[in-house]
């Protein structure tokens, strides 16, 4: 099993952290893992993406051209990465700010209203773990939920461990929120 994932959005959305959580989760399952971030010079508001590969076999190159899964969190990323999803692959996106929805018919498409839910709960910091929960629901078996929770803990500094219960709840919320568009 090899899962190649691209996660793309704006800096400040937790794109790189989401990728790091998946990478840590894969490592905890004794998988081969690659985590390769890409971002502009701006910290927040600039474009950011990360490629994560999780595999039972050695990963020959961390650079992907086509992905099994794309997690898209803004319109610029939709424009750039929709076409990179392999036929039969999965595209997950938050519809907030998306003006042109995905049009491909050879992939499975899901929406997750993570921005809306994080805002409703008054906690924008759980946005990316809501998205993560949606991914886990759609792609079960890539990493286990227990390893994801451990991955969240590993990705946070100890001073932020007080947020672990909220992040674990956000994963469960994301599993409930993800939908196929009508």
N, C-alpha and C. Protein backbone atom coordinates (compact mmCIF):
# COMPACT_ATOMS: atom_id res chain seq x y z
N UNK A 1 0.84 -1.18 0.00
CA UNK A 1 0.00 0.00 0.00
C UNK A 1 0.89 1.24 0.00
N UNK A 2 0.61 2.13 -0.91
CA UNK A 2 1.25 3.45 -0.92
C UNK A 2 0.15 4.48 -1.11
N UNK A 3 0.16 5.49 -0.26
CA UNK A 3 -0.79 6.59 -0.35
C UNK A 3 0.01 7.87 -0.56
N UNK A 4 -0.25 8.54 -1.69
CA UNK A 4 0.39 9.81 -2.00
C UNK A 4 -0.65 10.91 -1.88
N UNK A 5 -0.36 11.89 -1.02
CA UNK A 5 -1.33 12.92 -0.66
C UNK A 5 -0.74 14.30 -0.91
N UNK A 6 -1.53 15.19 -1.48
CA UNK A 6 -1.17 16.61 -1.54
C UNK A 6 -2.20 17.36 -0.71
N UNK A 7 -1.72 18.22 0.18
CA UNK A 7 -2.59 19.07 1.00
C UNK A 7 -2.21 20.50 0.66
N UNK A 8 -3.19 21.30 0.24
CA UNK A 8 -2.85 22.64 -0.24
C UNK A 8 -3.87 23.67 0.20
N UNK A 9 -3.36 24.85 0.54
CA UNK A 9 -4.22 25.95 0.96
C UNK A 9 -3.39 27.19 1.23
N UNK A 10 -3.88 28.03 2.14
CA UNK A 10 -3.17 29.22 2.56
C UNK A 10 -2.34 28.92 3.80
N UNK A 11 -1.23 29.65 3.95
CA UNK A 11 -0.49 29.60 5.21
C UNK A 11 -1.41 30.06 6.33
N UNK A 12 -1.34 29.41 7.47
CA UNK A 12 -2.20 29.75 8.59
C UNK A 12 -3.39 28.81 8.73
N UNK A 13 -3.64 27.97 7.72
CA UNK A 13 -4.75 27.01 7.79
C UNK A 13 -4.32 25.69 8.44
N UNK A 14 -3.06 25.55 8.73
CA UNK A 14 -2.59 24.30 9.32
C UNK A 14 -2.27 23.23 8.29
N UNK A 15 -1.99 23.65 7.06
CA UNK A 15 -1.68 22.72 5.98
C UNK A 15 -0.47 21.86 6.33
N UNK A 16 0.62 22.52 6.71
CA UNK A 16 1.85 21.77 7.01
C UNK A 16 1.67 20.90 8.24
N UNK A 17 0.95 21.42 9.24
CA UNK A 17 0.70 20.63 10.46
C UNK A 17 -0.13 19.39 10.15
N UNK A 18 -1.13 19.54 9.30
CA UNK A 18 -1.96 18.40 8.91
C UNK A 18 -1.09 17.33 8.26
N UNK A 19 -0.20 17.75 7.38
CA UNK A 19 0.71 16.81 6.76
C UNK A 19 1.65 16.16 7.76
N UNK A 20 2.11 16.95 8.71
CA UNK A 20 3.02 16.43 9.73
C UNK A 20 2.33 15.39 10.61
N UNK A 21 1.07 15.64 10.95
CA UNK A 21 0.31 14.67 11.76
C UNK A 21 0.19 13.35 11.00
N UNK A 22 -0.14 13.42 9.72
CA UNK A 22 -0.24 12.19 8.92
C UNK A 22 1.11 11.48 8.85
N UNK A 23 2.18 12.25 8.67
CA UNK A 23 3.52 11.65 8.59
C UNK A 23 3.88 10.96 9.91
N UNK A 24 3.68 11.65 11.04
CA UNK A 24 3.97 11.03 12.35
C UNK A 24 3.12 9.77 12.54
N UNK A 25 1.87 9.83 12.13
CA UNK A 25 0.98 8.68 12.28
C UNK A 25 1.51 7.48 11.49
N UNK A 26 1.98 7.73 10.28
CA UNK A 26 2.56 6.67 9.47
C UNK A 26 3.81 6.09 10.09
N UNK A 27 4.66 6.94 10.64
CA UNK A 27 5.89 6.48 11.30
C UNK A 27 5.54 5.58 12.47
N UNK A 28 4.53 5.94 13.23
CA UNK A 28 4.12 5.15 14.39
C UNK A 28 3.57 3.79 13.99
N UNK A 29 3.21 3.64 12.72
CA UNK A 29 2.73 2.35 12.21
C UNK A 29 3.84 1.61 11.48
N UNK A 30 5.09 2.05 11.67
CA UNK A 30 6.25 1.45 11.03
C UNK A 30 6.16 1.48 9.50
N UNK A 31 5.57 2.54 8.98
CA UNK A 31 5.48 2.74 7.53
C UNK A 31 6.67 3.59 7.08
N UNK A 32 6.96 3.52 5.81
CA UNK A 32 7.89 4.45 5.19
C UNK A 32 7.12 5.73 4.95
N UNK A 33 7.74 6.87 5.24
CA UNK A 33 7.02 8.14 5.18
C UNK A 33 7.91 9.22 4.55
N UNK A 34 7.27 10.07 3.76
CA UNK A 34 7.92 11.26 3.24
C UNK A 34 6.99 12.44 3.52
N UNK A 35 7.56 13.55 3.97
CA UNK A 35 6.81 14.79 4.24
C UNK A 35 7.60 15.91 3.59
N UNK A 36 7.03 16.54 2.57
CA UNK A 36 7.76 17.56 1.83
C UNK A 36 6.92 18.83 1.70
N UNK A 37 7.23 19.84 2.52
CA UNK A 37 6.46 21.09 2.48
C UNK A 37 6.93 22.02 1.36
N UNK A 38 6.02 22.89 0.95
CA UNK A 38 6.34 23.94 -0.01
C UNK A 38 5.48 25.15 0.35
N UNK A 39 6.14 26.29 0.52
CA UNK A 39 5.38 27.49 0.88
C UNK A 39 6.13 28.73 0.45
N UNK A 40 5.37 29.81 0.29
CA UNK A 40 5.96 31.09 -0.11
C UNK A 40 6.63 31.77 1.07
N UNK A 41 7.24 32.92 0.84
CA UNK A 41 7.95 33.62 1.91
C UNK A 41 7.02 34.20 2.98
N UNK A 42 5.74 34.36 2.65
CA UNK A 42 4.79 34.88 3.63
C UNK A 42 4.45 33.75 4.61
N UNK A 43 4.28 34.08 5.87
CA UNK A 43 3.91 33.06 6.85
C UNK A 43 2.42 32.76 6.75
N UNK A 44 1.59 33.76 6.92
CA UNK A 44 0.15 33.54 6.88
C UNK A 44 -0.42 34.25 5.66
N UNK A 45 -1.34 33.59 5.00
CA UNK A 45 -1.98 34.19 3.84
C UNK A 45 -1.34 33.82 2.52
N UNK A 46 -0.09 33.40 2.53
CA UNK A 46 0.56 32.94 1.29
C UNK A 46 0.15 31.51 1.00
N UNK A 47 0.49 31.04 -0.18
CA UNK A 47 0.14 29.67 -0.52
C UNK A 47 1.07 28.69 0.19
N UNK A 48 0.52 27.55 0.54
CA UNK A 48 1.29 26.50 1.20
C UNK A 48 0.75 25.15 0.75
N UNK A 49 1.65 24.20 0.55
CA UNK A 49 1.21 22.84 0.31
C UNK A 49 2.25 21.89 0.84
N UNK A 50 1.83 20.67 1.04
CA UNK A 50 2.72 19.64 1.53
C UNK A 50 2.36 18.32 0.86
N UNK A 51 3.37 17.60 0.48
CA UNK A 51 3.19 16.27 -0.07
C UNK A 51 3.55 15.27 1.02
N UNK A 52 2.66 14.33 1.26
CA UNK A 52 2.90 13.27 2.23
C UNK A 52 2.75 11.94 1.51
N UNK A 53 3.72 11.07 1.71
CA UNK A 53 3.65 9.72 1.17
C UNK A 53 3.78 8.75 2.33
N UNK A 54 2.91 7.78 2.36
CA UNK A 54 2.91 6.75 3.39
C UNK A 54 2.87 5.41 2.66
N UNK A 55 3.85 4.54 2.97
CA UNK A 55 3.95 3.32 2.19
C UNK A 55 4.47 2.14 3.02
N UNK A 56 4.11 0.95 2.57
CA UNK A 56 4.67 -0.27 3.15
C UNK A 56 6.06 -0.54 2.58
N UNK A 57 6.38 0.10 1.46
CA UNK A 57 7.66 -0.11 0.79
C UNK A 57 8.49 1.17 0.84
N UNK A 58 9.76 1.05 0.52
CA UNK A 58 10.62 2.23 0.45
C UNK A 58 10.05 3.23 -0.55
N UNK A 59 10.19 4.48 -0.26
CA UNK A 59 9.72 5.55 -1.13
C UNK A 59 10.91 6.01 -1.96
N UNK A 60 10.81 5.84 -3.27
CA UNK A 60 11.96 6.14 -4.12
C UNK A 60 12.18 7.63 -4.32
N UNK A 61 11.11 8.42 -4.30
CA UNK A 61 11.24 9.87 -4.47
C UNK A 61 10.11 10.56 -3.70
N UNK A 62 10.43 11.62 -2.98
CA UNK A 62 9.39 12.35 -2.25
C UNK A 62 8.59 13.31 -3.13
N UNK A 63 8.97 13.38 -4.39
CA UNK A 63 8.31 14.31 -5.30
C UNK A 63 7.24 13.56 -6.09
N UNK A 64 6.02 14.03 -5.96
CA UNK A 64 4.91 13.40 -6.68
C UNK A 64 4.42 14.29 -7.80
N UNK A 65 3.90 13.67 -8.84
CA UNK A 65 3.28 14.41 -9.94
C UNK A 65 1.78 14.18 -9.96
N UNK A 66 1.37 12.99 -9.50
CA UNK A 66 -0.04 12.63 -9.40
C UNK A 66 -0.26 12.06 -8.01
N UNK A 67 -1.46 12.28 -7.48
CA UNK A 67 -1.73 11.92 -6.09
C UNK A 67 -2.97 11.04 -5.97
N UNK A 68 -2.93 10.17 -4.97
CA UNK A 68 -4.10 9.35 -4.67
C UNK A 68 -5.19 10.22 -4.04
N UNK A 69 -4.75 11.20 -3.26
CA UNK A 69 -5.69 12.08 -2.55
C UNK A 69 -5.18 13.51 -2.61
N UNK A 70 -6.09 14.44 -2.87
CA UNK A 70 -5.80 15.87 -2.77
C UNK A 70 -6.76 16.45 -1.74
N UNK A 71 -6.21 17.18 -0.79
CA UNK A 71 -7.01 17.92 0.19
C UNK A 71 -6.81 19.39 -0.15
N UNK A 72 -7.87 20.03 -0.60
CA UNK A 72 -7.80 21.38 -1.16
C UNK A 72 -8.55 22.35 -0.25
N UNK A 73 -7.86 23.43 0.13
CA UNK A 73 -8.44 24.35 1.11
C UNK A 73 -8.60 25.78 0.61
N UNK A 74 -8.34 26.03 -0.67
CA UNK A 74 -8.61 27.35 -1.25
C UNK A 74 -8.70 27.24 -2.78
N UNK A 75 -9.18 28.30 -3.40
CA UNK A 75 -9.42 28.26 -4.85
C UNK A 75 -8.13 28.13 -5.65
N UNK A 76 -7.08 28.84 -5.27
CA UNK A 76 -5.82 28.74 -6.00
C UNK A 76 -5.32 27.30 -6.02
N UNK A 77 -5.46 26.61 -4.91
CA UNK A 77 -5.03 25.21 -4.84
C UNK A 77 -5.93 24.32 -5.67
N UNK A 78 -7.22 24.62 -5.71
CA UNK A 78 -8.13 23.84 -6.55
C UNK A 78 -7.70 23.97 -8.01
N UNK A 79 -7.42 25.21 -8.43
CA UNK A 79 -7.02 25.45 -9.81
C UNK A 79 -5.73 24.70 -10.15
N UNK A 80 -4.84 24.62 -9.21
CA UNK A 80 -3.53 24.01 -9.46
C UNK A 80 -3.52 22.49 -9.32
N UNK A 81 -4.24 21.95 -8.32
CA UNK A 81 -4.06 20.55 -7.97
C UNK A 81 -5.21 19.61 -8.35
N UNK A 82 -6.37 20.12 -8.73
CA UNK A 82 -7.46 19.21 -9.11
C UNK A 82 -7.00 18.23 -10.18
N UNK A 83 -6.28 18.72 -11.15
CA UNK A 83 -5.85 17.87 -12.27
C UNK A 83 -4.77 16.86 -11.89
N UNK A 84 -4.17 16.99 -10.71
CA UNK A 84 -3.10 16.07 -10.32
C UNK A 84 -3.59 14.82 -9.60
N UNK A 85 -4.89 14.75 -9.33
CA UNK A 85 -5.44 13.55 -8.67
C UNK A 85 -5.52 12.43 -9.69
N UNK A 86 -4.98 11.28 -9.32
CA UNK A 86 -5.00 10.12 -10.22
C UNK A 86 -6.44 9.71 -10.51
N UNK A 87 -6.73 9.23 -11.71
CA UNK A 87 -8.07 8.68 -11.98
C UNK A 87 -8.40 7.62 -10.92
N UNK A 88 -9.60 7.69 -10.37
CA UNK A 88 -10.00 6.79 -9.29
C UNK A 88 -9.60 7.30 -7.92
N UNK A 89 -8.90 8.43 -7.87
CA UNK A 89 -8.45 9.02 -6.61
C UNK A 89 -9.54 9.80 -5.91
N UNK A 90 -9.13 10.53 -4.88
CA UNK A 90 -10.06 11.26 -4.02
C UNK A 90 -9.65 12.73 -3.94
N UNK A 91 -10.63 13.61 -4.02
CA UNK A 91 -10.42 15.03 -3.78
C UNK A 91 -11.37 15.45 -2.67
N UNK A 92 -10.79 16.00 -1.61
CA UNK A 92 -11.56 16.51 -0.47
C UNK A 92 -11.33 18.01 -0.44
N UNK A 93 -12.42 18.79 -0.29
CA UNK A 93 -12.23 20.23 -0.22
C UNK A 93 -13.22 20.88 0.73
N UNK A 94 -12.76 22.00 1.29
CA UNK A 94 -13.63 22.85 2.11
C UNK A 94 -14.24 23.86 1.14
N UNK A 95 -15.58 23.93 1.03
CA UNK A 95 -16.20 24.81 0.05
C UNK A 95 -16.09 26.31 0.37
N UNK A 96 -15.64 26.66 1.56
CA UNK A 96 -15.50 28.07 1.93
C UNK A 96 -14.50 28.76 0.99
N UNK A 97 -14.96 29.76 0.29
CA UNK A 97 -14.09 30.51 -0.61
C UNK A 97 -13.87 29.87 -1.96
N UNK A 98 -14.46 28.74 -2.21
CA UNK A 98 -14.30 28.07 -3.50
C UNK A 98 -15.35 28.63 -4.47
N UNK A 99 -14.87 29.18 -5.57
CA UNK A 99 -15.79 29.75 -6.56
C UNK A 99 -15.99 28.82 -7.75
N UNK A 100 -15.03 27.96 -8.01
CA UNK A 100 -15.16 26.97 -9.08
C UNK A 100 -14.97 25.60 -8.44
N UNK A 101 -16.05 24.88 -8.34
CA UNK A 101 -16.01 23.57 -7.70
C UNK A 101 -15.40 22.55 -8.65
N UNK A 102 -14.86 21.46 -8.11
CA UNK A 102 -14.24 20.46 -8.99
C UNK A 102 -15.24 19.89 -10.00
N UNK A 103 -14.73 19.60 -11.17
CA UNK A 103 -15.59 19.17 -12.27
C UNK A 103 -15.28 17.76 -12.76
N UNK A 104 -14.23 17.16 -12.29
CA UNK A 104 -13.84 15.85 -12.80
C UNK A 104 -14.86 14.79 -12.42
N UNK A 105 -15.03 13.80 -13.29
CA UNK A 105 -15.97 12.71 -13.06
C UNK A 105 -15.25 11.38 -12.84
N UNK A 106 -13.92 11.38 -12.96
CA UNK A 106 -13.16 10.14 -12.82
C UNK A 106 -12.51 9.99 -11.45
N UNK A 107 -12.92 10.85 -10.51
CA UNK A 107 -12.43 10.79 -9.13
C UNK A 107 -13.61 10.90 -8.17
N UNK A 108 -13.39 10.52 -6.91
CA UNK A 108 -14.41 10.69 -5.87
C UNK A 108 -14.18 12.05 -5.23
N UNK A 109 -15.24 12.83 -5.13
CA UNK A 109 -15.15 14.19 -4.59
C UNK A 109 -15.98 14.28 -3.32
N UNK A 110 -15.39 14.92 -2.30
CA UNK A 110 -16.05 15.10 -1.00
C UNK A 110 -15.87 16.54 -0.55
N UNK A 111 -16.88 17.06 0.15
CA UNK A 111 -16.75 18.38 0.79
C UNK A 111 -16.73 18.19 2.30
N UNK A 112 -16.06 19.12 2.95
CA UNK A 112 -16.06 19.16 4.40
C UNK A 112 -16.09 20.63 4.82
N UNK A 113 -17.13 21.03 5.48
CA UNK A 113 -17.33 22.43 5.88
C UNK A 113 -16.57 22.72 7.18
N UNK A 114 -15.25 22.56 7.12
CA UNK A 114 -14.42 22.70 8.32
C UNK A 114 -14.31 24.15 8.77
N UNK A 115 -14.20 25.08 7.84
CA UNK A 115 -14.11 26.50 8.21
C UNK A 115 -15.36 26.91 8.97
N UNK A 116 -16.51 26.55 8.42
CA UNK A 116 -17.79 26.90 9.04
C UNK A 116 -17.91 26.28 10.43
N UNK A 117 -17.54 25.01 10.56
CA UNK A 117 -17.68 24.33 11.85
C UNK A 117 -16.70 24.87 12.89
N UNK A 118 -15.46 25.12 12.49
CA UNK A 118 -14.48 25.68 13.43
C UNK A 118 -14.94 27.07 13.89
N UNK A 119 -15.48 27.86 12.96
CA UNK A 119 -15.99 29.18 13.31
C UNK A 119 -17.19 29.08 14.25
N UNK A 120 -18.09 28.14 13.95
CA UNK A 120 -19.28 27.94 14.79
C UNK A 120 -18.87 27.59 16.22
N UNK A 121 -17.78 26.86 16.35
CA UNK A 121 -17.30 26.44 17.66
C UNK A 121 -16.36 27.48 18.29
N UNK A 122 -16.06 28.56 17.55
CA UNK A 122 -15.21 29.61 18.08
C UNK A 122 -13.76 29.19 18.26
N UNK A 123 -13.29 28.25 17.44
CA UNK A 123 -11.93 27.75 17.58
C UNK A 123 -11.34 27.45 16.20
N UNK A 124 -10.75 28.46 15.59
CA UNK A 124 -10.18 28.28 14.26
C UNK A 124 -9.01 27.31 14.25
N UNK A 125 -8.42 27.06 15.40
CA UNK A 125 -7.24 26.17 15.46
C UNK A 125 -7.59 24.70 15.26
N UNK A 126 -8.87 24.34 15.30
CA UNK A 126 -9.23 22.93 15.07
C UNK A 126 -9.60 22.67 13.61
N UNK A 127 -9.52 23.71 12.78
CA UNK A 127 -9.87 23.57 11.37
C UNK A 127 -9.18 22.38 10.72
N UNK A 128 -7.85 22.31 10.86
CA UNK A 128 -7.12 21.26 10.14
C UNK A 128 -7.40 19.87 10.70
N UNK A 129 -7.69 19.74 11.99
CA UNK A 129 -8.00 18.41 12.52
C UNK A 129 -9.42 17.99 12.17
N UNK A 130 -10.30 18.95 11.91
CA UNK A 130 -11.61 18.61 11.36
C UNK A 130 -11.42 18.00 9.97
N UNK A 131 -10.60 18.66 9.15
CA UNK A 131 -10.31 18.16 7.81
C UNK A 131 -9.67 16.77 7.89
N UNK A 132 -8.75 16.61 8.83
CA UNK A 132 -8.10 15.31 9.02
C UNK A 132 -9.12 14.21 9.30
N UNK A 133 -10.10 14.50 10.14
CA UNK A 133 -11.14 13.52 10.43
C UNK A 133 -11.90 13.11 9.19
N UNK A 134 -12.19 14.08 8.32
CA UNK A 134 -12.85 13.76 7.06
C UNK A 134 -12.00 12.85 6.19
N UNK A 135 -10.72 13.14 6.12
CA UNK A 135 -9.82 12.28 5.35
C UNK A 135 -9.83 10.86 5.89
N UNK A 136 -9.75 10.72 7.21
CA UNK A 136 -9.71 9.39 7.83
C UNK A 136 -10.98 8.59 7.54
N UNK A 137 -12.11 9.28 7.47
CA UNK A 137 -13.37 8.61 7.17
C UNK A 137 -13.38 8.08 5.74
N UNK A 138 -12.86 8.88 4.81
CA UNK A 138 -12.87 8.53 3.40
C UNK A 138 -11.78 7.52 3.06
N UNK A 139 -10.65 7.59 3.75
CA UNK A 139 -9.51 6.72 3.45
C UNK A 139 -9.12 5.89 4.68
N UNK A 140 -10.02 5.04 5.13
CA UNK A 140 -9.70 4.22 6.32
C UNK A 140 -8.57 3.24 5.98
N UNK A 141 -7.76 2.96 6.96
CA UNK A 141 -6.72 1.97 6.75
C UNK A 141 -5.37 2.54 6.38
N UNK A 142 -5.29 3.81 5.99
CA UNK A 142 -3.98 4.40 5.71
C UNK A 142 -3.22 4.55 7.01
N UNK A 143 -3.85 5.15 8.00
CA UNK A 143 -3.31 5.24 9.36
C UNK A 143 -4.45 5.00 10.34
N UNK A 144 -4.13 4.48 11.52
CA UNK A 144 -5.17 4.19 12.51
C UNK A 144 -5.49 5.45 13.31
N UNK A 145 -6.67 5.47 13.87
CA UNK A 145 -7.10 6.59 14.68
C UNK A 145 -6.20 6.76 15.90
N UNK A 146 -5.82 5.66 16.55
CA UNK A 146 -4.92 5.76 17.71
C UNK A 146 -3.60 6.41 17.33
N UNK A 147 -3.06 6.04 16.17
CA UNK A 147 -1.80 6.64 15.74
C UNK A 147 -1.98 8.09 15.33
N UNK A 148 -3.15 8.44 14.83
CA UNK A 148 -3.42 9.85 14.52
C UNK A 148 -3.43 10.67 15.81
N UNK A 149 -4.08 10.17 16.83
CA UNK A 149 -4.09 10.89 18.10
C UNK A 149 -2.67 11.03 18.65
N UNK A 150 -1.88 9.98 18.53
CA UNK A 150 -0.48 10.06 18.96
C UNK A 150 0.30 11.01 18.06
N UNK A 151 -0.03 11.03 16.77
CA UNK A 151 0.61 11.94 15.83
C UNK A 151 0.30 13.40 16.14
N UNK A 152 -0.92 13.67 16.55
CA UNK A 152 -1.29 15.03 16.95
C UNK A 152 -0.44 15.44 18.14
N UNK A 153 -0.34 14.57 19.13
CA UNK A 153 0.46 14.87 20.32
C UNK A 153 1.92 15.09 19.95
N UNK A 154 2.47 14.26 19.07
CA UNK A 154 3.87 14.39 18.67
C UNK A 154 4.12 15.68 17.89
N UNK A 155 3.12 16.16 17.18
CA UNK A 155 3.32 17.35 16.36
C UNK A 155 3.19 18.65 17.16
N UNK A 156 2.64 18.55 18.37
CA UNK A 156 2.45 19.75 19.19
C UNK A 156 3.55 19.89 20.24
N UNK A 157 3.95 21.12 20.54
CA UNK A 157 4.87 21.30 21.67
C UNK A 157 4.14 20.97 22.98
N UNK A 158 4.86 20.56 23.97
CA UNK A 158 4.25 20.13 25.23
C UNK A 158 3.31 21.19 25.82
N UNK A 159 3.65 22.44 25.64
CA UNK A 159 2.80 23.52 26.20
C UNK A 159 1.41 23.53 25.56
N UNK A 160 1.26 22.92 24.38
CA UNK A 160 -0.03 22.90 23.67
C UNK A 160 -0.80 21.61 23.89
N UNK A 161 -0.29 20.71 24.71
CA UNK A 161 -0.98 19.43 24.93
C UNK A 161 -2.36 19.60 25.55
N UNK A 162 -2.62 20.75 26.16
CA UNK A 162 -3.95 21.00 26.72
C UNK A 162 -5.01 21.06 25.62
N UNK A 163 -4.58 21.23 24.36
CA UNK A 163 -5.52 21.27 23.23
C UNK A 163 -5.82 19.88 22.67
N UNK A 164 -5.18 18.86 23.19
CA UNK A 164 -5.39 17.50 22.66
C UNK A 164 -6.85 17.06 22.68
N UNK A 165 -7.59 17.25 23.78
CA UNK A 165 -9.00 16.83 23.75
C UNK A 165 -9.81 17.54 22.66
N UNK A 166 -9.58 18.83 22.47
CA UNK A 166 -10.31 19.57 21.43
C UNK A 166 -9.94 19.06 20.03
N UNK A 167 -8.67 18.74 19.83
CA UNK A 167 -8.24 18.22 18.53
C UNK A 167 -8.79 16.82 18.28
N UNK A 168 -8.82 15.98 19.30
CA UNK A 168 -9.39 14.64 19.14
C UNK A 168 -10.89 14.73 18.83
N UNK A 169 -11.58 15.65 19.50
CA UNK A 169 -13.00 15.85 19.21
C UNK A 169 -13.17 16.37 17.78
N UNK A 170 -12.28 17.24 17.34
CA UNK A 170 -12.36 17.79 15.98
C UNK A 170 -12.21 16.69 14.93
N UNK A 171 -11.35 15.71 15.19
CA UNK A 171 -11.21 14.58 14.27
C UNK A 171 -12.55 13.85 14.16
N UNK A 172 -13.18 13.60 15.30
CA UNK A 172 -14.48 12.90 15.29
C UNK A 172 -15.54 13.73 14.56
N UNK A 173 -15.52 15.04 14.76
CA UNK A 173 -16.47 15.94 14.07
C UNK A 173 -16.26 15.86 12.56
N UNK A 174 -15.00 15.89 12.13
CA UNK A 174 -14.69 15.81 10.71
C UNK A 174 -15.20 14.52 10.07
N UNK A 175 -15.12 13.43 10.84
CA UNK A 175 -15.63 12.15 10.33
C UNK A 175 -17.13 12.21 10.09
N UNK A 176 -17.82 13.02 10.87
CA UNK A 176 -19.27 13.17 10.70
C UNK A 176 -19.63 14.19 9.61
N UNK A 177 -18.80 15.20 9.41
CA UNK A 177 -19.12 16.29 8.49
C UNK A 177 -18.88 15.99 7.01
N UNK A 178 -17.96 15.12 6.72
CA UNK A 178 -17.57 14.92 5.31
C UNK A 178 -18.74 14.37 4.51
N UNK A 179 -18.92 14.90 3.30
CA UNK A 179 -20.06 14.55 2.46
C UNK A 179 -19.65 14.48 0.99
N UNK A 180 -20.41 13.72 0.23
CA UNK A 180 -20.32 13.78 -1.23
C UNK A 180 -21.22 14.94 -1.64
N UNK A 181 -20.75 15.82 -2.53
CA UNK A 181 -21.61 16.94 -2.96
C UNK A 181 -22.84 16.42 -3.69
N UNK A 182 -23.91 17.18 -3.58
CA UNK A 182 -25.16 16.78 -4.23
C UNK A 182 -25.20 17.18 -5.68
